[in-house]
Amino acid sequence: MAWDHDARLSLVVHGKSSPSSLEWLRFLNHNRALGGRDLRVLVCTYGGGPDAGQRRELMEAVGHVTVPTVIMTNSLIARGIVGALNWFNPNIQVLGIDADLAAHRFLGLSSAESTRAIELRQKLERELGLGLSSGLEAQRSSRTQAGTPPRD
């Protein structure tokens, strides 16, 4: 698990494994420090995610605050979990792991924020050893390799 924030964007990337108790505690403490800021949350998961106890701790930590949140995953289990979370936060949406632009639109990110979200995602994915997996960046890379100029 890796996370970072920039202005109003909070971005979390889960690898294939669930976060350890220590990672989760550090993450919760980091989010408590953000306070009641105008946040947009983007979570990308490659299979890992909080367990039931960790999700309960998150709900207790954020209280009744609901912020626009997108969970990007291809995991059916994670999609089911998001469906359950939707009862507590109607501002949550689940999208495929490569749906960067749709996620950014749902979150209401500006063009600059969208660019920063992609940069942060790539940085966090590299930290977790996930390599080049951001959908948008993968599309740019494949176009460049094919000799087609990247387009935004």
N, C-alpha and C. Protein backbone atom coordinates (compact mmCIF):
# COMPACT_ATOMS: atom_id res chain seq x y z
N MET A 1 0.85 -1.17 0.00
CA MET A 1 0.00 0.00 0.00
C MET A 1 0.90 1.24 0.00
N ALA A 2 0.51 2.20 -0.85
CA ALA A 2 1.22 3.47 -0.89
C ALA A 2 0.18 4.57 -1.08
N TRP A 3 0.45 5.74 -0.53
CA TRP A 3 -0.50 6.85 -0.66
C TRP A 3 0.24 8.17 -0.65
N ASP A 4 -0.44 9.17 -1.16
CA ASP A 4 0.09 10.53 -1.17
C ASP A 4 -1.09 11.46 -1.37
N HIS A 5 -0.87 12.73 -1.14
CA HIS A 5 -1.91 13.70 -1.44
C HIS A 5 -1.26 14.95 -2.01
N ASP A 6 -2.06 15.65 -2.79
CA ASP A 6 -1.61 16.88 -3.42
C ASP A 6 -2.83 17.79 -3.50
N ALA A 7 -2.75 18.92 -2.81
CA ALA A 7 -3.87 19.87 -2.74
C ALA A 7 -5.11 19.12 -2.24
N ARG A 8 -6.15 19.01 -3.06
CA ARG A 8 -7.37 18.35 -2.60
C ARG A 8 -7.47 16.88 -3.02
N LEU A 9 -6.45 16.37 -3.69
CA LEU A 9 -6.46 14.98 -4.15
C LEU A 9 -5.71 14.08 -3.17
N SER A 10 -6.38 13.02 -2.75
CA SER A 10 -5.75 11.98 -1.94
C SER A 10 -5.76 10.71 -2.78
N LEU A 11 -4.58 10.15 -3.03
CA LEU A 11 -4.48 8.99 -3.91
C LEU A 11 -3.86 7.83 -3.16
N VAL A 12 -4.49 6.66 -3.29
CA VAL A 12 -4.04 5.44 -2.62
C VAL A 12 -3.88 4.36 -3.68
N VAL A 13 -2.79 3.60 -3.60
CA VAL A 13 -2.59 2.45 -4.49
C VAL A 13 -2.34 1.23 -3.63
N HIS A 14 -3.14 0.18 -3.87
CA HIS A 14 -2.96 -1.12 -3.22
C HIS A 14 -2.38 -2.07 -4.25
N GLY A 15 -1.37 -2.81 -3.86
CA GLY A 15 -0.84 -3.87 -4.71
C GLY A 15 -1.73 -5.09 -4.62
N LYS A 16 -1.13 -6.26 -4.70
CA LYS A 16 -1.91 -7.50 -4.66
C LYS A 16 -2.22 -7.95 -3.24
N SER A 17 -1.48 -7.43 -2.27
CA SER A 17 -1.71 -7.86 -0.89
C SER A 17 -2.41 -6.77 -0.09
N SER A 18 -3.04 -7.18 0.98
CA SER A 18 -3.74 -6.25 1.86
C SER A 18 -2.72 -5.49 2.71
N PRO A 19 -3.09 -4.29 3.16
CA PRO A 19 -2.15 -3.53 3.99
C PRO A 19 -1.93 -4.19 5.35
N SER A 20 -0.72 -4.05 5.86
CA SER A 20 -0.43 -4.55 7.20
C SER A 20 -1.12 -3.63 8.21
N SER A 21 -1.21 -4.07 9.44
CA SER A 21 -1.80 -3.24 10.50
C SER A 21 -1.04 -1.94 10.67
N LEU A 22 0.30 -2.00 10.59
CA LEU A 22 1.11 -0.79 10.73
C LEU A 22 0.88 0.17 9.57
N GLU A 23 0.86 -0.36 8.33
CA GLU A 23 0.58 0.50 7.17
C GLU A 23 -0.77 1.19 7.34
N TRP A 24 -1.77 0.42 7.74
CA TRP A 24 -3.12 0.96 7.86
C TRP A 24 -3.18 2.03 8.94
N LEU A 25 -2.51 1.81 10.05
CA LEU A 25 -2.48 2.80 11.12
C LEU A 25 -1.83 4.10 10.64
N ARG A 26 -0.71 3.98 9.93
CA ARG A 26 -0.04 5.16 9.39
C ARG A 26 -0.95 5.89 8.40
N PHE A 27 -1.65 5.14 7.57
CA PHE A 27 -2.58 5.73 6.60
C PHE A 27 -3.71 6.47 7.31
N LEU A 28 -4.31 5.85 8.32
CA LEU A 28 -5.39 6.50 9.07
C LEU A 28 -4.90 7.78 9.74
N ASN A 29 -3.73 7.73 10.35
CA ASN A 29 -3.17 8.92 11.00
C ASN A 29 -2.92 10.04 10.00
N HIS A 30 -2.43 9.67 8.84
CA HIS A 30 -2.20 10.66 7.78
C HIS A 30 -3.52 11.32 7.38
N ASN A 31 -4.56 10.52 7.23
CA ASN A 31 -5.85 11.06 6.82
C ASN A 31 -6.50 11.90 7.92
N ARG A 32 -6.31 11.51 9.16
CA ARG A 32 -6.83 12.34 10.26
C ARG A 32 -6.17 13.72 10.22
N ALA A 33 -4.89 13.76 9.88
CA ALA A 33 -4.16 15.03 9.83
C ALA A 33 -4.67 15.94 8.71
N LEU A 34 -5.28 15.35 7.68
CA LEU A 34 -5.82 16.15 6.59
C LEU A 34 -7.07 16.91 7.03
N GLY A 35 -7.74 16.41 8.06
CA GLY A 35 -8.91 17.10 8.61
C GLY A 35 -10.05 17.19 7.63
N GLY A 36 -10.81 18.25 7.74
CA GLY A 36 -12.02 18.43 6.94
C GLY A 36 -11.79 19.14 5.63
N ARG A 37 -10.64 18.95 5.04
CA ARG A 37 -10.34 19.60 3.77
C ARG A 37 -11.28 19.14 2.67
N ASP A 38 -11.37 19.95 1.63
CA ASP A 38 -12.15 19.61 0.45
C ASP A 38 -11.37 18.56 -0.33
N LEU A 39 -11.65 17.29 -0.07
CA LEU A 39 -10.87 16.21 -0.65
C LEU A 39 -11.58 15.51 -1.79
N ARG A 40 -10.79 14.94 -2.66
CA ARG A 40 -11.22 14.01 -3.70
C ARG A 40 -10.32 12.80 -3.52
N VAL A 41 -10.91 11.62 -3.41
CA VAL A 41 -10.13 10.42 -3.12
C VAL A 41 -10.15 9.48 -4.32
N LEU A 42 -8.97 9.03 -4.71
CA LEU A 42 -8.80 8.09 -5.80
C LEU A 42 -8.01 6.90 -5.27
N VAL A 43 -8.62 5.72 -5.36
CA VAL A 43 -7.98 4.49 -4.90
C VAL A 43 -7.83 3.55 -6.09
N CYS A 44 -6.62 3.08 -6.32
CA CYS A 44 -6.35 2.10 -7.37
C CYS A 44 -5.91 0.82 -6.67
N THR A 45 -6.61 -0.27 -6.94
CA THR A 45 -6.23 -1.52 -6.29
C THR A 45 -6.02 -2.63 -7.32
N TYR A 46 -4.93 -3.35 -7.12
CA TYR A 46 -4.58 -4.48 -7.97
C TYR A 46 -4.87 -5.79 -7.25
N GLY A 47 -5.85 -5.75 -6.35
CA GLY A 47 -6.28 -6.95 -5.64
C GLY A 47 -6.26 -6.80 -4.13
N GLY A 48 -5.34 -6.01 -3.61
CA GLY A 48 -5.26 -5.80 -2.18
C GLY A 48 -6.22 -4.72 -1.72
N GLY A 49 -6.45 -4.70 -0.43
CA GLY A 49 -7.31 -3.68 0.14
C GLY A 49 -7.51 -3.95 1.61
N PRO A 50 -8.14 -3.03 2.29
CA PRO A 50 -8.35 -3.21 3.72
C PRO A 50 -9.27 -4.38 4.02
N ASP A 51 -8.99 -5.05 5.16
CA ASP A 51 -9.89 -6.13 5.59
C ASP A 51 -11.09 -5.50 6.31
N ALA A 52 -12.00 -6.33 6.77
CA ALA A 52 -13.23 -5.83 7.40
C ALA A 52 -12.94 -4.93 8.60
N GLY A 53 -12.00 -5.32 9.43
CA GLY A 53 -11.65 -4.51 10.60
C GLY A 53 -11.05 -3.18 10.20
N GLN A 54 -10.20 -3.18 9.18
CA GLN A 54 -9.59 -1.94 8.72
C GLN A 54 -10.64 -1.03 8.09
N ARG A 55 -11.59 -1.60 7.36
CA ARG A 55 -12.67 -0.78 6.79
C ARG A 55 -13.50 -0.15 7.90
N ARG A 56 -13.74 -0.90 8.96
CA ARG A 56 -14.49 -0.36 10.10
C ARG A 56 -13.72 0.80 10.74
N GLU A 57 -12.40 0.63 10.89
CA GLU A 57 -11.57 1.70 11.45
C GLU A 57 -11.62 2.95 10.57
N LEU A 58 -11.63 2.75 9.26
CA LEU A 58 -11.72 3.88 8.34
C LEU A 58 -13.05 4.61 8.51
N MET A 59 -14.13 3.86 8.60
CA MET A 59 -15.45 4.47 8.77
C MET A 59 -15.51 5.26 10.08
N GLU A 60 -14.92 4.71 11.13
CA GLU A 60 -14.89 5.42 12.41
C GLU A 60 -14.03 6.68 12.32
N ALA A 61 -12.95 6.60 11.57
CA ALA A 61 -12.03 7.74 11.45
C ALA A 61 -12.64 8.89 10.67
N VAL A 62 -13.40 8.58 9.61
CA VAL A 62 -13.96 9.65 8.78
C VAL A 62 -15.34 10.08 9.26
N GLY A 63 -15.94 9.30 10.15
CA GLY A 63 -17.25 9.68 10.68
C GLY A 63 -18.29 9.76 9.57
N HIS A 64 -19.03 10.84 9.58
CA HIS A 64 -20.09 11.02 8.59
C HIS A 64 -19.66 11.85 7.40
N VAL A 65 -18.36 12.08 7.28
CA VAL A 65 -17.85 12.86 6.16
C VAL A 65 -17.89 12.00 4.91
N THR A 66 -18.54 12.51 3.88
CA THR A 66 -18.56 11.79 2.61
C THR A 66 -17.89 12.67 1.56
N VAL A 67 -16.88 12.14 0.93
CA VAL A 67 -16.16 12.88 -0.10
C VAL A 67 -16.24 12.10 -1.40
N PRO A 68 -16.19 12.78 -2.53
CA PRO A 68 -16.17 12.06 -3.80
C PRO A 68 -14.99 11.10 -3.83
N THR A 69 -15.30 9.86 -4.12
CA THR A 69 -14.29 8.79 -4.09
C THR A 69 -14.48 7.87 -5.29
N VAL A 70 -13.38 7.51 -5.92
CA VAL A 70 -13.40 6.52 -6.99
C VAL A 70 -12.46 5.39 -6.61
N ILE A 71 -12.96 4.16 -6.72
CA ILE A 71 -12.14 2.96 -6.55
C ILE A 71 -11.94 2.38 -7.94
N MET A 72 -10.68 2.29 -8.36
CA MET A 72 -10.37 1.71 -9.67
C MET A 72 -9.80 0.31 -9.46
N THR A 73 -10.48 -0.67 -10.03
CA THR A 73 -10.07 -2.07 -9.85
C THR A 73 -10.69 -2.94 -10.92
N ASN A 74 -10.10 -4.09 -11.12
CA ASN A 74 -10.72 -5.11 -11.96
C ASN A 74 -11.20 -6.29 -11.12
N SER A 75 -11.06 -6.18 -9.80
CA SER A 75 -11.43 -7.25 -8.88
C SER A 75 -12.93 -7.23 -8.59
N LEU A 76 -13.58 -8.36 -8.83
CA LEU A 76 -15.02 -8.47 -8.52
C LEU A 76 -15.27 -8.38 -7.02
N ILE A 77 -14.35 -8.91 -6.22
CA ILE A 77 -14.50 -8.84 -4.76
C ILE A 77 -14.46 -7.38 -4.31
N ALA A 78 -13.49 -6.64 -4.82
CA ALA A 78 -13.39 -5.22 -4.45
C ALA A 78 -14.62 -4.45 -4.90
N ARG A 79 -15.15 -4.79 -6.07
CA ARG A 79 -16.36 -4.12 -6.55
C ARG A 79 -17.53 -4.38 -5.61
N GLY A 80 -17.61 -5.59 -5.06
CA GLY A 80 -18.66 -5.90 -4.08
C GLY A 80 -18.49 -5.11 -2.79
N ILE A 81 -17.25 -4.97 -2.36
CA ILE A 81 -16.97 -4.20 -1.15
C ILE A 81 -17.37 -2.74 -1.36
N VAL A 82 -17.06 -2.20 -2.53
CA VAL A 82 -17.42 -0.81 -2.83
C VAL A 82 -18.93 -0.65 -2.82
N GLY A 83 -19.63 -1.66 -3.33
CA GLY A 83 -21.09 -1.61 -3.29
C GLY A 83 -21.61 -1.47 -1.87
N ALA A 84 -20.97 -2.16 -0.93
CA ALA A 84 -21.36 -2.05 0.47
C ALA A 84 -21.01 -0.68 1.03
N LEU A 85 -19.85 -0.16 0.66
CA LEU A 85 -19.45 1.17 1.12
C LEU A 85 -20.38 2.25 0.60
N ASN A 86 -20.98 2.00 -0.57
CA ASN A 86 -21.88 2.98 -1.18
C ASN A 86 -23.06 3.31 -0.28
N TRP A 87 -23.43 2.42 0.62
CA TRP A 87 -24.51 2.70 1.58
C TRP A 87 -24.13 3.87 2.48
N PHE A 88 -22.84 3.99 2.78
CA PHE A 88 -22.35 5.04 3.69
C PHE A 88 -21.91 6.29 2.95
N ASN A 89 -21.53 6.15 1.70
CA ASN A 89 -21.02 7.28 0.92
C ASN A 89 -21.58 7.20 -0.50
N PRO A 90 -22.67 7.93 -0.77
CA PRO A 90 -23.25 7.88 -2.12
C PRO A 90 -22.36 8.55 -3.17
N ASN A 91 -21.28 9.20 -2.73
CA ASN A 91 -20.35 9.85 -3.65
C ASN A 91 -19.21 8.93 -4.05
N ILE A 92 -19.44 7.62 -3.98
CA ILE A 92 -18.38 6.67 -4.32
C ILE A 92 -18.75 5.94 -5.60
N GLN A 93 -17.75 5.72 -6.44
CA GLN A 93 -17.97 5.02 -7.70
C GLN A 93 -16.84 4.02 -7.91
N VAL A 94 -17.14 2.90 -8.52
CA VAL A 94 -16.12 1.91 -8.86
C VAL A 94 -15.98 1.88 -10.37
N LEU A 95 -14.73 1.89 -10.83
CA LEU A 95 -14.41 1.87 -12.25
C LEU A 95 -13.29 0.87 -12.51
N GLY A 96 -13.10 0.53 -13.75
CA GLY A 96 -12.00 -0.34 -14.13
C GLY A 96 -10.65 0.31 -13.84
N ILE A 97 -9.64 -0.51 -13.71
CA ILE A 97 -8.31 -0.04 -13.32
C ILE A 97 -7.71 0.94 -14.34
N ASP A 98 -8.16 0.90 -15.58
CA ASP A 98 -7.62 1.77 -16.62
C ASP A 98 -8.49 2.98 -16.93
N ALA A 99 -9.49 3.25 -16.13
CA ALA A 99 -10.47 4.31 -16.42
C ALA A 99 -10.06 5.65 -15.80
N ASP A 100 -8.81 6.04 -16.00
CA ASP A 100 -8.30 7.27 -15.41
C ASP A 100 -9.18 8.49 -15.73
N LEU A 101 -9.47 8.70 -16.99
CA LEU A 101 -10.20 9.91 -17.38
C LEU A 101 -11.60 9.94 -16.80
N ALA A 102 -12.30 8.80 -16.80
CA ALA A 102 -13.64 8.74 -16.21
C ALA A 102 -13.58 9.00 -14.71
N ALA A 103 -12.55 8.48 -14.06
CA ALA A 103 -12.38 8.70 -12.62
C ALA A 103 -12.16 10.18 -12.34
N HIS A 104 -11.32 10.81 -13.14
CA HIS A 104 -11.02 12.22 -12.93
C HIS A 104 -12.25 13.09 -13.18
N ARG A 105 -13.06 12.71 -14.18
CA ARG A 105 -14.30 13.45 -14.43
C ARG A 105 -15.26 13.32 -13.25
N PHE A 106 -15.44 12.09 -12.73
CA PHE A 106 -16.33 11.88 -11.60
C PHE A 106 -15.90 12.71 -10.40
N LEU A 107 -14.60 12.81 -10.18
CA LEU A 107 -14.07 13.55 -9.05
C LEU A 107 -14.08 15.06 -9.28
N GLY A 108 -14.35 15.48 -10.51
CA GLY A 108 -14.37 16.90 -10.82
C GLY A 108 -13.00 17.53 -10.82
N LEU A 109 -11.99 16.77 -11.24
CA LEU A 109 -10.63 17.30 -11.27
C LEU A 109 -10.43 18.23 -12.45
N SER A 110 -9.68 19.28 -12.23
CA SER A 110 -9.30 20.18 -13.32
C SER A 110 -8.26 19.45 -14.18
N SER A 111 -7.93 20.05 -15.31
CA SER A 111 -6.91 19.47 -16.19
C SER A 111 -5.58 19.32 -15.46
N ALA A 112 -5.21 20.35 -14.71
CA ALA A 112 -3.95 20.30 -13.96
C ALA A 112 -4.01 19.22 -12.88
N GLU A 113 -5.15 19.11 -12.19
CA GLU A 113 -5.29 18.08 -11.16
C GLU A 113 -5.26 16.69 -11.78
N SER A 114 -5.85 16.54 -12.95
CA SER A 114 -5.85 15.25 -13.64
C SER A 114 -4.43 14.83 -14.01
N THR A 115 -3.66 15.78 -14.51
CA THR A 115 -2.26 15.50 -14.84
C THR A 115 -1.50 15.09 -13.60
N ARG A 116 -1.72 15.81 -12.51
CA ARG A 116 -1.03 15.50 -11.25
C ARG A 116 -1.47 14.13 -10.72
N ALA A 117 -2.74 13.79 -10.88
CA ALA A 117 -3.24 12.49 -10.42
C ALA A 117 -2.52 11.36 -11.15
N ILE A 118 -2.31 11.53 -12.44
CA ILE A 118 -1.60 10.50 -13.22
C ILE A 118 -0.15 10.39 -12.76
N GLU A 119 0.49 11.53 -12.52
CA GLU A 119 1.88 11.53 -12.04
C GLU A 119 1.98 10.83 -10.68
N LEU A 120 1.07 11.18 -9.78
CA LEU A 120 1.09 10.55 -8.45
C LEU A 120 0.84 9.06 -8.54
N ARG A 121 -0.12 8.67 -9.36
CA ARG A 121 -0.41 7.24 -9.51
C ARG A 121 0.81 6.49 -10.00
N GLN A 122 1.47 7.02 -11.00
CA GLN A 122 2.66 6.36 -11.54
C GLN A 122 3.75 6.25 -10.48
N LYS A 123 3.94 7.32 -9.71
CA LYS A 123 4.95 7.32 -8.65
C LYS A 123 4.65 6.23 -7.62
N LEU A 124 3.40 6.17 -7.17
CA LEU A 124 3.02 5.19 -6.15
C LEU A 124 3.10 3.77 -6.69
N GLU A 125 2.70 3.58 -7.94
CA GLU A 125 2.81 2.24 -8.55
C GLU A 125 4.26 1.80 -8.64
N ARG A 126 5.15 2.72 -8.99
CA ARG A 126 6.58 2.38 -9.03
C ARG A 126 7.09 2.00 -7.64
N GLU A 127 6.66 2.75 -6.62
CA GLU A 127 7.06 2.44 -5.24
C GLU A 127 6.67 1.02 -4.85
N LEU A 128 5.53 0.56 -5.37
CA LEU A 128 5.05 -0.79 -5.05
C LEU A 128 5.56 -1.83 -6.03
N GLY A 129 6.38 -1.41 -6.99
CA GLY A 129 6.91 -2.35 -7.97
C GLY A 129 5.89 -2.79 -9.00
N LEU A 130 4.88 -1.96 -9.22
CA LEU A 130 3.84 -2.32 -10.18
C LEU A 130 4.18 -1.87 -11.59
N GLY A 131 5.17 -1.00 -11.74
CA GLY A 131 5.61 -0.59 -13.06
C GLY A 131 4.60 0.26 -13.79
N LEU A 132 4.66 0.22 -15.10
CA LEU A 132 3.81 1.03 -15.96
C LEU A 132 2.44 0.37 -16.07
N SER A 133 1.49 0.81 -15.25
CA SER A 133 0.19 0.17 -15.30
C SER A 133 -0.96 1.15 -15.35
N SER A 134 -0.68 2.43 -15.26
CA SER A 134 -1.77 3.40 -15.37
C SER A 134 -2.32 3.32 -16.78
N GLY A 135 -3.61 3.18 -16.90
CA GLY A 135 -4.25 3.02 -18.19
C GLY A 135 -3.89 4.10 -19.18
N LEU A 136 -3.97 5.35 -18.77
CA LEU A 136 -3.69 6.45 -19.66
C LEU A 136 -2.23 6.44 -20.09
N GLU A 137 -1.33 6.23 -19.14
CA GLU A 137 0.10 6.22 -19.47
C GLU A 137 0.43 5.01 -20.35
N ALA A 138 -0.19 3.88 -20.10
CA ALA A 138 0.04 2.70 -20.92
C ALA A 138 -0.41 2.97 -22.36
N GLN A 139 -1.55 3.68 -22.52
CA GLN A 139 -2.02 4.02 -23.86
C GLN A 139 -1.03 4.95 -24.55
N ARG A 140 -0.52 5.95 -23.83
CA ARG A 140 0.47 6.87 -24.41
C ARG A 140 1.71 6.11 -24.84
N SER A 141 2.17 5.21 -23.97
CA SER A 141 3.38 4.45 -24.26
C SER A 141 3.19 3.58 -25.49
N SER A 142 2.05 2.91 -25.61
CA SER A 142 1.82 2.02 -26.75
C SER A 142 1.71 2.83 -28.04
N ARG A 143 1.10 4.03 -27.98
CA ARG A 143 1.02 4.88 -29.18
C ARG A 143 2.41 5.34 -29.60
N THR A 144 3.22 5.72 -28.62
CA THR A 144 4.57 6.19 -28.92
C THR A 144 5.38 5.07 -29.55
N GLN A 145 5.26 3.85 -29.02
CA GLN A 145 6.00 2.71 -29.56
C GLN A 145 5.52 2.38 -30.96
N ALA A 146 4.25 2.65 -31.26
CA ALA A 146 3.71 2.36 -32.58
C ALA A 146 3.98 3.51 -33.56
N GLY A 147 4.62 4.58 -33.06
CA GLY A 147 4.92 5.71 -33.92
C GLY A 147 3.79 6.71 -34.03
N THR A 148 2.75 6.55 -33.24
CA THR A 148 1.63 7.48 -33.24
C THR A 148 1.86 8.50 -32.14
N PRO A 149 1.73 9.78 -32.45
CA PRO A 149 1.94 10.76 -31.40
C PRO A 149 0.91 10.65 -30.29
N PRO A 150 1.33 10.85 -29.03
CA PRO A 150 0.38 10.79 -27.94
C PRO A 150 -0.64 11.92 -28.05
N ARG A 151 -1.89 11.65 -27.64
CA ARG A 151 -2.91 12.68 -27.64
C ARG A 151 -3.59 12.68 -26.29
N ASP A 152 -4.07 13.81 -25.89
CA ASP A 152 -4.72 13.92 -24.58
C ASP A 152 -6.15 14.24 -24.72
